[in-house]
Structures are given as structure tokens and as C-alpha cells.
């Protein structure tokens, strides 16, 4: 116990002196250094926050919705969502939602509130019932709307309280290499909020690597976007707040705030393509001890997100952010993320991720490219 206390105190006060573990023992020094890393603690705090929020704030809805199938079957339960051509329904007798082919559904009946989206990105809010014609869904609201089934791309629950409109996910992964005492831990999380006119999304990730006799490295990102639908169309006003911390690129904190306009280019049951263009104000706080630790710039902000759904359970997401500088001629930054999700029972999933952060004018002595991969297991809620 005294030895462990000594190792922990040595790391907190100096963060420099390497400590070798005892032969044939668990590498407590390496694990201690990892747990003391601030980036990891912040990421774990996000994980705990989401988990507690899901239990305390996201209550269930009434299980009185009815799904009528073309073959005459009837399923009573809670309609969760329609996404990627699959209707998610949770009957009272099922431990987890069941997935139904949307093309096999005859009609829906529900007095709960939903947001229904068509291929043009238009949204309609209200309860659900059968339309005046076959294969037609009626969204009842102050002004009712009738949509053909093949024009319904997504259906999402609209919670009747602020907290019930949130959705989220968290995942974590780790690997340990005994030969060089390397520990790599990845924590990722996401959250979204949906209302009649606004959509907010947040994604956070932190990848920390610690190794004996080598300085710890970390890569942390936080991306926030807020969209507002413009006059019932596929166009949206957008605000963004993106943050990056990268030890490999000698960036203590990079903050980008801005706004612009976005549009859904493709929106179907299989494929989504979303584009954004605007302006961003960036402040870099460097960590390499240069004479100008704070750098400021005005940038263009361009983003493209592509999602496709295949094989019933797999989803592929690609996101690219590009920042051509307007005030620093010739400078170009970009971030690229590729995620592959595979669904598991009870809202669990596995994810494989790849990221690349690029800066053609990095801090002196820093890398222009920082690339990483990870594999994690996660859970989505509610």
C-alpha cells in the first residue's frame, strides 16, 4: 500500500519520473498514470453523466400504440422510431424493441406525439393514424398532413417534456500491450435533442495512450451543432462550436465558433447526405512553449456527413470538416471521422472508428497529421 501511494504521489507532482513495475506483477504504475490523466477523467465524467441522465430523466411512454401488418397481425406496444427502413416497436412482453420491415406495415395508430420527416427534409408533428387512402399515413396536428408510406423516411418520438426529447449513446474500449506496458483507452459519447423546429447534436471522444518511460498522449474532441429548419424545407440555419485538444500536434485547446447554412442533399431509408457551409472563428492555445501561444484566425467552415445503412444491423458514418483559413493565407485544417456501427441486442452496439486531424501549418515541431483507430462497445438510450 505504501508503495502504491508513493507511485501515485510521484506522478501527480512531477508527471516525469518513470517508474518500473515489479517483475511478474500487474503494471500498477502504468494504470495509475492513466487514471490520473485529465483527459481520461473528463471523458469518464461524460460517460457517467449520460448513464445517470438516462436513468433519472428519460421516462418511457405509454405502450398503447398499435401497428397493423399487411398479413393481418396486430402488435400493441410503444412505437420507438422509424429509421433506415425499419420500424422499432417495443411490446410490453418483449425485453427489447423488435425491428419490423416498414414495407410490411399496413398502418399505425398512436395518440402520442411524433416528428415525421419526408425525403425533402420537411418535418410534421402530431399523432399517427391511417390516411384516407391505402398505404398512407396521417399525421394529426392543428393542420393534418397525409403522407404516402414511401414518402416517410423517419419517425421519431417527440417527448412531452424537455428531458424526454434527448437521445444519447456512450461507448468505451481499451487494450493493453504487456510487452511495452502500453495502455490505450477510448471513450466516445453522443447526444441529440429534437423539437419541432430545432435539432441539436453533440459528439465527444477521447483517446488516451500511456506507456512506460514515455510521455502520455491524448486526442480529445468535442463537436456541437444546432440546426433550425427554415420555412419547412430541406434548408437549415446552423450554429457550431467545435473543440480539439491534441498532444501529438502540440495543441492544448483549439476552439472554433461559427455559423452557416446547411442542407439535406439525400435523405432516404438507406442513405443520408448532409452538407454545411459557413464561417468560423478559431483560437489556438498551443502547448509547445512558443512565443505566441495563442493564435487567432477567421476560417471558412465546410462540412459533409454521409451515412448509409446496410446488412440490417450495420451503419456506416463518414464526417468531414474542412477549415480553409481566410485570415492566414494558405493554411488548411481538416478533421475526418469514419465510424462503423453494428447493432447488438438491448440497445448495445460495437463500433470501429478511424480519425484523422490534419493541419498543413502545425505548431513548430508538431505533427501535421494525427491518425488513430479504435474499437469500442457501447449502449444507446433511452
Protein backbone atom coordinates (compact mmCIF):
# COMPACT_ATOMS: atom_id res chain seq x y z
CA UNK A 1 0.00 0.00 0.00
CA UNK A 2 2.82 2.41 0.83
CA UNK A 3 4.48 1.64 -2.49
CA UNK A 4 1.29 2.36 -4.44
CA UNK A 5 0.82 5.64 -2.56
CA UNK A 6 4.41 6.58 -3.37
CA UNK A 7 3.90 5.93 -7.09
CA UNK A 8 0.68 7.95 -7.24
CA UNK A 9 2.21 10.94 -5.39
CA UNK A 10 5.27 10.83 -7.65
CA UNK A 11 3.10 11.05 -10.80
CA UNK A 12 0.81 13.82 -9.57
CA UNK A 13 3.65 16.12 -8.50
CA UNK A 14 6.18 15.52 -11.25
CA UNK A 15 4.49 13.62 -14.16
CA UNK A 16 8.03 12.97 -15.39
CA UNK A 17 9.80 10.30 -13.42
CA UNK A 18 9.26 6.85 -14.99
CA UNK A 19 8.53 4.07 -12.57
CA UNK A 20 9.06 0.41 -13.46
CA UNK A 21 6.66 -2.14 -12.06
CA UNK A 22 7.76 -5.16 -10.10
CA UNK A 23 8.63 -8.20 -12.19
CA UNK A 24 5.76 -10.67 -12.65
CA UNK A 25 3.21 -8.17 -11.24
CA UNK A 26 0.34 -6.08 -12.63
CA UNK A 27 1.60 -2.78 -14.00
CA UNK A 28 0.10 -0.57 -11.30
CA UNK A 29 2.27 2.41 -12.20
CA UNK A 30 1.00 2.45 -15.78
CA UNK A 31 -2.62 2.15 -14.70
CA UNK A 32 -2.12 4.89 -12.10
CA UNK A 33 -0.66 7.25 -14.70
CA UNK A 34 -3.63 6.61 -16.95
CA UNK A 35 -6.23 7.19 -14.24
CA UNK A 36 -4.54 10.47 -13.32
CA UNK A 37 -4.71 11.77 -16.87
CA UNK A 38 -7.12 14.71 -17.03
CA UNK A 39 -8.46 13.92 -20.49
CA UNK A 40 -9.45 10.42 -19.43
CA UNK A 41 -11.16 11.68 -16.30
CA UNK A 42 -13.17 14.20 -18.32
CA UNK A 43 -14.28 11.50 -20.74
CA UNK A 44 -15.28 9.16 -17.96
CA UNK A 45 -17.26 12.01 -16.39
CA UNK A 46 -19.20 12.36 -19.67
CA UNK A 47 -19.91 8.63 -19.59
CA UNK A 48 -21.23 8.80 -16.01
CA UNK A 49 -23.32 11.89 -16.79
CA UNK A 50 -25.07 10.19 -19.70
CA UNK A 51 -25.66 6.99 -17.77
CA UNK A 52 -27.20 8.82 -14.81
CA UNK A 53 -29.28 11.06 -17.08
CA UNK A 54 -30.75 8.08 -18.88
CA UNK A 55 -31.94 6.57 -15.61
CA UNK A 56 -33.19 9.75 -13.95
CA UNK A 57 -34.65 11.85 -16.75
CA UNK A 58 -35.78 9.71 -19.66
CA UNK A 59 -39.03 8.08 -18.77
CA UNK A 60 -40.96 5.72 -21.02
CA UNK A 61 -44.17 6.44 -22.95
CA UNK A 62 -47.49 4.63 -22.92
CA UNK A 63 -47.42 1.20 -24.56
CA UNK A 64 -50.77 1.72 -26.30
CA UNK A 65 -49.59 2.24 -29.88
CA UNK A 66 -50.87 -0.26 -32.46
CA UNK A 67 -49.05 -1.49 -35.57
CA UNK A 68 -51.21 -3.26 -38.16
CA UNK A 69 -49.32 -5.53 -40.55
CA UNK A 70 -50.25 -6.36 -44.13
CA UNK A 71 -50.65 -10.06 -43.23
CA UNK A 72 -53.32 -9.22 -40.63
CA UNK A 73 -51.11 -9.35 -37.50
CA UNK A 74 -51.50 -6.62 -34.88
CA UNK A 75 -48.75 -5.53 -32.47
CA UNK A 76 -49.56 -3.39 -29.43
CA UNK A 77 -46.72 -1.60 -27.67
CA UNK A 78 -44.59 1.55 -27.86
CA UNK A 79 -43.52 2.84 -31.28
CA UNK A 80 -39.91 3.88 -30.80
CA UNK A 81 -38.87 5.12 -34.23
CA UNK A 82 -38.65 4.54 -37.94
CA UNK A 83 -35.11 4.72 -39.29
CA UNK A 84 -33.28 3.16 -42.20
CA UNK A 85 -36.37 1.29 -43.35
CA UNK A 86 -37.02 -0.42 -40.00
CA UNK A 87 -39.84 0.38 -37.60
CA UNK A 88 -38.79 -0.13 -33.98
CA UNK A 89 -41.62 -1.24 -31.64
CA UNK A 90 -41.44 -2.45 -28.03
CA UNK A 91 -44.37 -4.61 -26.89
CA UNK A 92 -44.93 -4.99 -23.12
CA UNK A 93 -43.96 -8.65 -23.30
CA UNK A 94 -40.61 -8.01 -25.06
CA UNK A 95 -37.38 -7.25 -23.21
CA UNK A 96 -36.12 -5.06 -26.05
CA UNK A 97 -37.62 -3.40 -29.16
CA UNK A 98 -38.30 -5.51 -32.22
CA UNK A 99 -37.44 -4.34 -35.74
CA UNK A 100 -40.12 -4.51 -38.46
CA UNK A 101 -39.69 -4.03 -42.20
CA UNK A 102 -41.50 -0.75 -42.96
CA UNK A 103 -42.73 -2.07 -46.32
CA UNK A 104 -44.67 -4.82 -44.47
CA UNK A 105 -46.62 -2.31 -42.30
CA UNK A 106 -50.23 -1.54 -43.27
CA UNK A 107 -50.98 1.32 -40.85
CA UNK A 108 -50.14 2.88 -37.46
CA UNK A 109 -52.38 4.11 -34.66
CA UNK A 110 -50.96 6.25 -31.85
CA UNK A 111 -52.12 9.19 -29.76
CA UNK A 112 -48.52 10.02 -28.78
CA UNK A 113 -46.61 12.88 -30.46
CA UNK A 114 -44.07 12.11 -33.19
CA UNK A 115 -41.93 14.02 -35.68
CA UNK A 116 -42.27 12.58 -39.20
CA UNK A 117 -39.76 13.51 -41.91
CA UNK A 118 -40.17 13.18 -45.69
CA UNK A 119 -37.42 12.81 -48.36
CA UNK A 120 -37.16 16.60 -48.77
CA UNK A 121 -36.38 17.03 -45.09
CA UNK A 122 -39.77 18.55 -44.26
CA UNK A 123 -41.00 17.68 -40.77
CA UNK A 124 -44.55 17.15 -39.50
CA UNK A 125 -45.57 16.88 -35.86
CA UNK A 126 -48.56 15.09 -34.38
CA UNK A 127 -50.24 11.78 -33.57
CA UNK A 128 -50.35 8.96 -36.14
CA UNK A 129 -53.33 7.30 -37.79
CA UNK A 130 -54.43 5.78 -41.11
CA UNK A 131 -54.66 8.13 -44.07
CA UNK A 132 -57.65 8.48 -46.44
CA UNK A 133 -56.07 6.10 -48.98
CA UNK A 134 -54.21 2.81 -48.85
CA UNK A 135 -50.52 2.98 -47.87
CA UNK A 136 -50.97 6.48 -46.50
CA UNK A 137 -50.03 7.82 -43.04
CA UNK A 138 -51.95 10.70 -41.49
CA UNK A 139 -50.10 12.99 -39.09
CA UNK A 140 -52.73 14.73 -36.99
CA UNK A 141 -51.89 18.21 -35.71
CA UNK A 142 -53.59 21.60 -35.91
CA UNK A 143 -53.35 21.05 -39.68
CA UNK A 144 -53.32 17.36 -40.59
CA UNK A 145 -50.95 16.02 -43.26
CA UNK A 146 -51.23 12.84 -45.31
CA UNK A 147 -48.03 11.11 -46.48
CA UNK A 148 -47.61 8.02 -48.60
CA UNK A 149 -45.62 5.27 -46.86
CA UNK A 150 -42.79 5.51 -49.40
CA UNK A 151 -42.52 9.25 -48.57
CA UNK A 152 -41.96 8.60 -44.86
CA UNK A 153 -38.21 8.45 -44.20
CA UNK A 154 -38.14 8.74 -40.42
CA UNK A 155 -40.44 8.79 -37.41
CA UNK A 156 -39.10 9.98 -34.06
CA UNK A 157 -40.76 10.29 -30.69
CA UNK A 158 -41.41 13.84 -29.57
CA UNK A 159 -41.23 13.83 -25.79
CA UNK A 160 -43.77 15.87 -23.89
CA UNK A 161 -41.06 17.24 -21.59
CA UNK A 162 -37.67 18.81 -22.26
CA UNK A 163 -35.60 15.87 -21.00
CA UNK A 164 -37.62 13.24 -22.86
CA UNK A 165 -36.56 14.78 -26.17
CA UNK A 166 -32.93 13.77 -25.66
CA UNK A 167 -31.22 10.72 -27.14
CA UNK A 168 -27.72 9.57 -26.39
CA UNK A 169 -25.05 6.93 -26.57
CA UNK A 170 -21.79 6.07 -24.82
CA UNK A 171 -19.08 3.55 -25.65
CA UNK A 172 -15.67 2.61 -24.28
CA UNK A 173 -12.80 0.43 -25.40
CA UNK A 174 -9.38 -0.49 -24.06
CA UNK A 175 -6.35 -2.57 -24.94
CA UNK A 176 -3.17 -3.45 -23.03
CA UNK A 177 0.17 -4.46 -24.57
CA UNK A 178 2.19 -6.32 -21.94
CA UNK A 179 5.49 -6.24 -23.84
CA UNK A 180 5.86 -2.44 -23.58
CA UNK A 181 3.27 -1.75 -20.82
CA UNK A 182 1.17 0.32 -23.22
CA UNK A 183 -2.43 1.05 -22.24
CA UNK A 184 -4.86 2.62 -24.71
CA UNK A 185 -8.34 3.71 -23.62
CA UNK A 186 -11.01 5.27 -25.86
CA UNK A 187 -14.23 6.84 -24.61
CA UNK A 188 -16.83 8.21 -27.03
CA UNK A 189 -20.28 9.65 -26.46
CA UNK A 190 -23.05 11.44 -28.29
CA UNK A 191 -26.25 13.28 -27.51
CA UNK A 192 -29.06 14.79 -29.59
CA UNK A 193 -32.17 16.87 -28.94
CA UNK A 194 -35.17 17.05 -31.26
CA UNK A 195 -38.04 19.56 -31.22
CA UNK A 196 -40.48 20.75 -33.86
CA UNK A 197 -38.03 23.21 -35.42
CA UNK A 198 -34.65 22.63 -33.76
CA UNK A 199 -32.17 19.77 -33.81
CA UNK A 200 -29.03 19.73 -31.62
CA UNK A 201 -26.25 17.17 -31.75
CA UNK A 202 -23.10 16.72 -29.71
CA UNK A 203 -20.29 14.20 -30.10
CA UNK A 204 -17.30 13.79 -27.82
CA UNK A 205 -14.32 11.46 -27.94
CA UNK A 206 -11.10 10.99 -26.03
CA UNK A 207 -8.30 8.57 -26.84
CA UNK A 208 -5.51 8.30 -24.25
CA UNK A 209 -2.34 6.25 -24.56
CA UNK A 210 0.12 5.69 -21.73
CA UNK A 211 3.36 3.73 -21.90
CA UNK A 212 6.25 3.02 -19.55
CA UNK A 213 9.05 5.61 -19.77
CA UNK A 214 7.18 7.55 -22.48
CA UNK A 215 5.02 10.66 -22.10
CA UNK A 216 1.28 10.12 -22.20
CA UNK A 217 -0.53 11.13 -25.39
CA UNK A 218 -4.17 12.12 -25.80
CA UNK A 219 -6.56 13.21 -28.53
CA UNK A 220 -9.87 14.75 -27.42
CA UNK A 221 -12.64 16.35 -29.46
CA UNK A 222 -16.00 17.93 -28.69
CA UNK A 223 -18.30 18.91 -31.57
CA UNK A 224 -21.61 20.75 -31.18
CA UNK A 225 -24.08 21.74 -33.90
CA UNK A 226 -27.51 23.36 -33.64
CA UNK A 227 -29.86 23.38 -36.64
CA UNK A 228 -33.10 25.26 -37.23
CA UNK A 229 -35.39 24.35 -40.10
CA UNK A 230 -36.00 27.24 -42.49
CA UNK A 231 -39.61 27.61 -43.70
CA UNK A 232 -40.46 23.90 -43.91
CA UNK A 233 -37.72 22.99 -46.37
CA UNK A 234 -34.51 20.97 -46.63
CA UNK A 235 -32.51 24.09 -45.67
CA UNK A 236 -31.36 24.81 -42.10
CA UNK A 237 -29.67 27.61 -40.26
CA UNK A 238 -26.69 26.25 -38.31
CA UNK A 239 -24.51 27.22 -35.34
CA UNK A 240 -21.35 25.32 -34.44
CA UNK A 241 -18.91 25.06 -31.54
CA UNK A 242 -16.03 22.62 -32.06
CA UNK A 243 -13.09 21.96 -29.73
CA UNK A 244 -9.89 19.93 -30.10
CA UNK A 245 -7.01 19.00 -27.78
CA UNK A 246 -4.08 17.04 -29.23
CA UNK A 247 -0.77 16.35 -27.53
CA UNK A 248 0.68 14.98 -30.79
CA UNK A 249 0.00 18.28 -32.56
CA UNK A 250 1.03 20.41 -29.55
CA UNK A 251 -2.48 21.90 -29.29
CA UNK A 252 -3.62 22.47 -25.72
CA UNK A 253 -7.05 23.71 -26.89
CA UNK A 254 -8.38 24.69 -30.30
CA UNK A 255 -11.78 26.40 -30.20
CA UNK A 256 -13.86 27.12 -33.30
CA UNK A 257 -17.15 29.03 -33.05
CA UNK A 258 -19.27 29.95 -36.01
CA UNK A 259 -22.43 29.58 -38.03
CA UNK A 260 -23.73 28.99 -41.51
CA UNK A 261 -26.36 27.28 -43.60
CA UNK A 262 -26.93 23.55 -44.11
CA UNK A 263 -28.96 21.35 -46.42
CA UNK A 264 -30.07 17.74 -46.68
CA UNK A 265 -28.88 16.61 -50.11
CA UNK A 266 -30.03 12.99 -49.86
CA UNK A 267 -32.48 11.65 -47.30
CA UNK A 268 -33.84 8.15 -47.81
CA UNK A 269 -34.40 4.98 -45.79
CA UNK A 270 -30.93 3.79 -46.82
CA UNK A 271 -28.72 6.84 -47.32
CA UNK A 272 -28.33 10.33 -45.83
CA UNK A 273 -26.09 13.11 -47.16
CA UNK A 274 -25.86 16.41 -45.31
CA UNK A 275 -23.72 19.47 -46.16
CA UNK A 276 -22.88 22.67 -44.26
CA UNK A 277 -21.09 25.88 -45.26
CA UNK A 278 -20.31 28.89 -43.10
CA UNK A 279 -17.70 30.90 -41.22
CA UNK A 280 -15.75 30.03 -38.09
CA UNK A 281 -13.57 32.00 -35.67
CA UNK A 282 -10.70 29.87 -34.36
CA UNK A 283 -8.43 30.38 -31.35
CA UNK A 284 -5.45 28.05 -30.84
CA UNK A 285 -3.80 27.67 -27.46
CA UNK A 286 -0.51 25.89 -28.15
CA UNK A 287 1.39 23.82 -25.59
CA UNK A 288 4.91 23.81 -27.06
CA UNK A 289 6.15 26.97 -25.34
CA UNK A 290 6.28 29.19 -28.44
CA UNK A 291 6.49 32.97 -28.18
CA UNK A 292 2.90 33.24 -29.49
CA UNK A 293 0.98 30.54 -27.58
CA UNK A 294 -2.38 31.98 -28.71
CA UNK A 295 -3.20 32.20 -32.41
CA UNK A 296 -6.45 33.53 -33.90
CA UNK A 297 -7.90 33.16 -37.38
CA UNK A 298 -11.07 33.60 -39.40
CA UNK A 299 -11.88 30.44 -41.38
CA UNK A 300 -14.38 29.08 -43.82
CA UNK A 301 -16.20 26.12 -42.29
CA UNK A 302 -17.31 23.34 -44.62
CA UNK A 303 -18.74 20.00 -43.52
CA UNK A 304 -20.18 16.89 -45.16
CA UNK A 305 -21.78 13.96 -43.36
CA UNK A 306 -22.64 10.76 -45.19
CA UNK A 307 -24.50 7.84 -43.59
CA UNK A 308 -25.57 4.58 -45.15
CA UNK A 309 -27.30 1.55 -43.71
CA UNK A 310 -26.59 -2.00 -44.88
CA UNK A 311 -26.97 -5.62 -43.83
CA UNK A 312 -29.92 -4.91 -41.47
CA UNK A 313 -27.66 -4.13 -38.48
CA UNK A 314 -24.64 -2.21 -39.80
CA UNK A 315 -24.37 1.57 -40.21
CA UNK A 316 -21.50 3.47 -41.86
CA UNK A 317 -20.98 7.14 -40.91
CA UNK A 318 -18.41 9.43 -42.55
CA UNK A 319 -17.92 13.05 -41.41
CA UNK A 320 -15.51 15.58 -42.90
CA UNK A 321 -14.88 19.09 -41.58
CA UNK A 322 -12.65 21.42 -43.66
CA UNK A 323 -11.40 24.82 -42.48
CA UNK A 324 -9.65 26.88 -45.22
CA UNK A 325 -8.27 29.95 -43.47
CA UNK A 326 -9.37 33.40 -44.69
CA UNK A 327 -7.01 35.43 -42.49
CA UNK A 328 -3.96 33.14 -42.68
CA UNK A 329 -3.39 32.64 -46.39
CA UNK A 330 -2.55 29.10 -47.45
CA UNK A 331 -3.49 27.41 -44.19
CA UNK A 332 -5.83 24.42 -44.33
CA UNK A 333 -7.14 22.26 -41.49
CA UNK A 334 -9.47 19.28 -41.63
CA UNK A 335 -10.88 16.55 -39.41
CA UNK A 336 -12.20 13.26 -40.75
CA UNK A 337 -14.10 10.56 -38.85
CA UNK A 338 -15.20 7.17 -40.13
CA UNK A 339 -17.43 5.05 -37.87
CA UNK A 340 -18.92 1.62 -38.44
CA UNK A 341 -21.65 0.50 -36.04
CA UNK A 342 -23.07 -2.98 -35.62
CA UNK A 343 -26.22 -3.34 -33.53
CA UNK A 344 -26.47 -5.82 -30.67
CA UNK A 345 -29.49 -6.76 -28.54
CA UNK A 346 -30.84 -4.47 -25.80
CA UNK A 347 -29.55 -1.21 -27.38
CA UNK A 348 -25.91 -2.31 -27.25
CA UNK A 349 -23.58 -1.98 -30.23
CA UNK A 350 -19.95 -2.31 -31.27
CA UNK A 351 -18.14 0.47 -33.10
CA UNK A 352 -14.93 0.64 -35.12
CA UNK A 353 -13.61 4.17 -35.61
CA UNK A 354 -10.91 5.94 -37.60
CA UNK A 355 -9.95 9.62 -37.25
CA UNK A 356 -7.51 11.96 -38.96
CA UNK A 357 -6.74 15.51 -37.83
CA UNK A 358 -4.67 17.46 -40.37
CA UNK A 359 -3.06 20.92 -40.28
CA UNK A 360 -0.74 21.98 -43.11
CA UNK A 361 0.80 24.65 -40.84
CA UNK A 362 1.14 22.88 -37.47
CA UNK A 363 2.89 24.21 -34.38
CA UNK A 364 6.71 24.14 -34.66
CA UNK A 365 7.95 20.59 -34.13
CA UNK A 366 4.44 19.08 -34.13
CA UNK A 367 2.91 16.54 -36.49
CA UNK A 368 0.79 17.79 -39.39
CA UNK A 369 -1.26 14.57 -39.35
CA UNK A 370 -2.56 12.76 -36.30
CA UNK A 371 -4.28 9.48 -37.15
CA UNK A 372 -5.91 6.99 -34.82
CA UNK A 373 -8.16 3.92 -34.77
CA UNK A 374 -10.27 2.36 -32.03
CA UNK A 375 -12.80 -0.37 -31.36
CA UNK A 376 -15.39 0.06 -28.63
CA UNK A 377 -18.58 -1.41 -27.23
CA UNK A 378 -21.43 0.93 -26.35
CA UNK A 379 -25.02 1.49 -25.36
CA UNK A 380 -27.65 3.89 -26.68
CA UNK A 381 -30.51 5.39 -24.69
CA UNK A 382 -33.33 5.82 -23.96
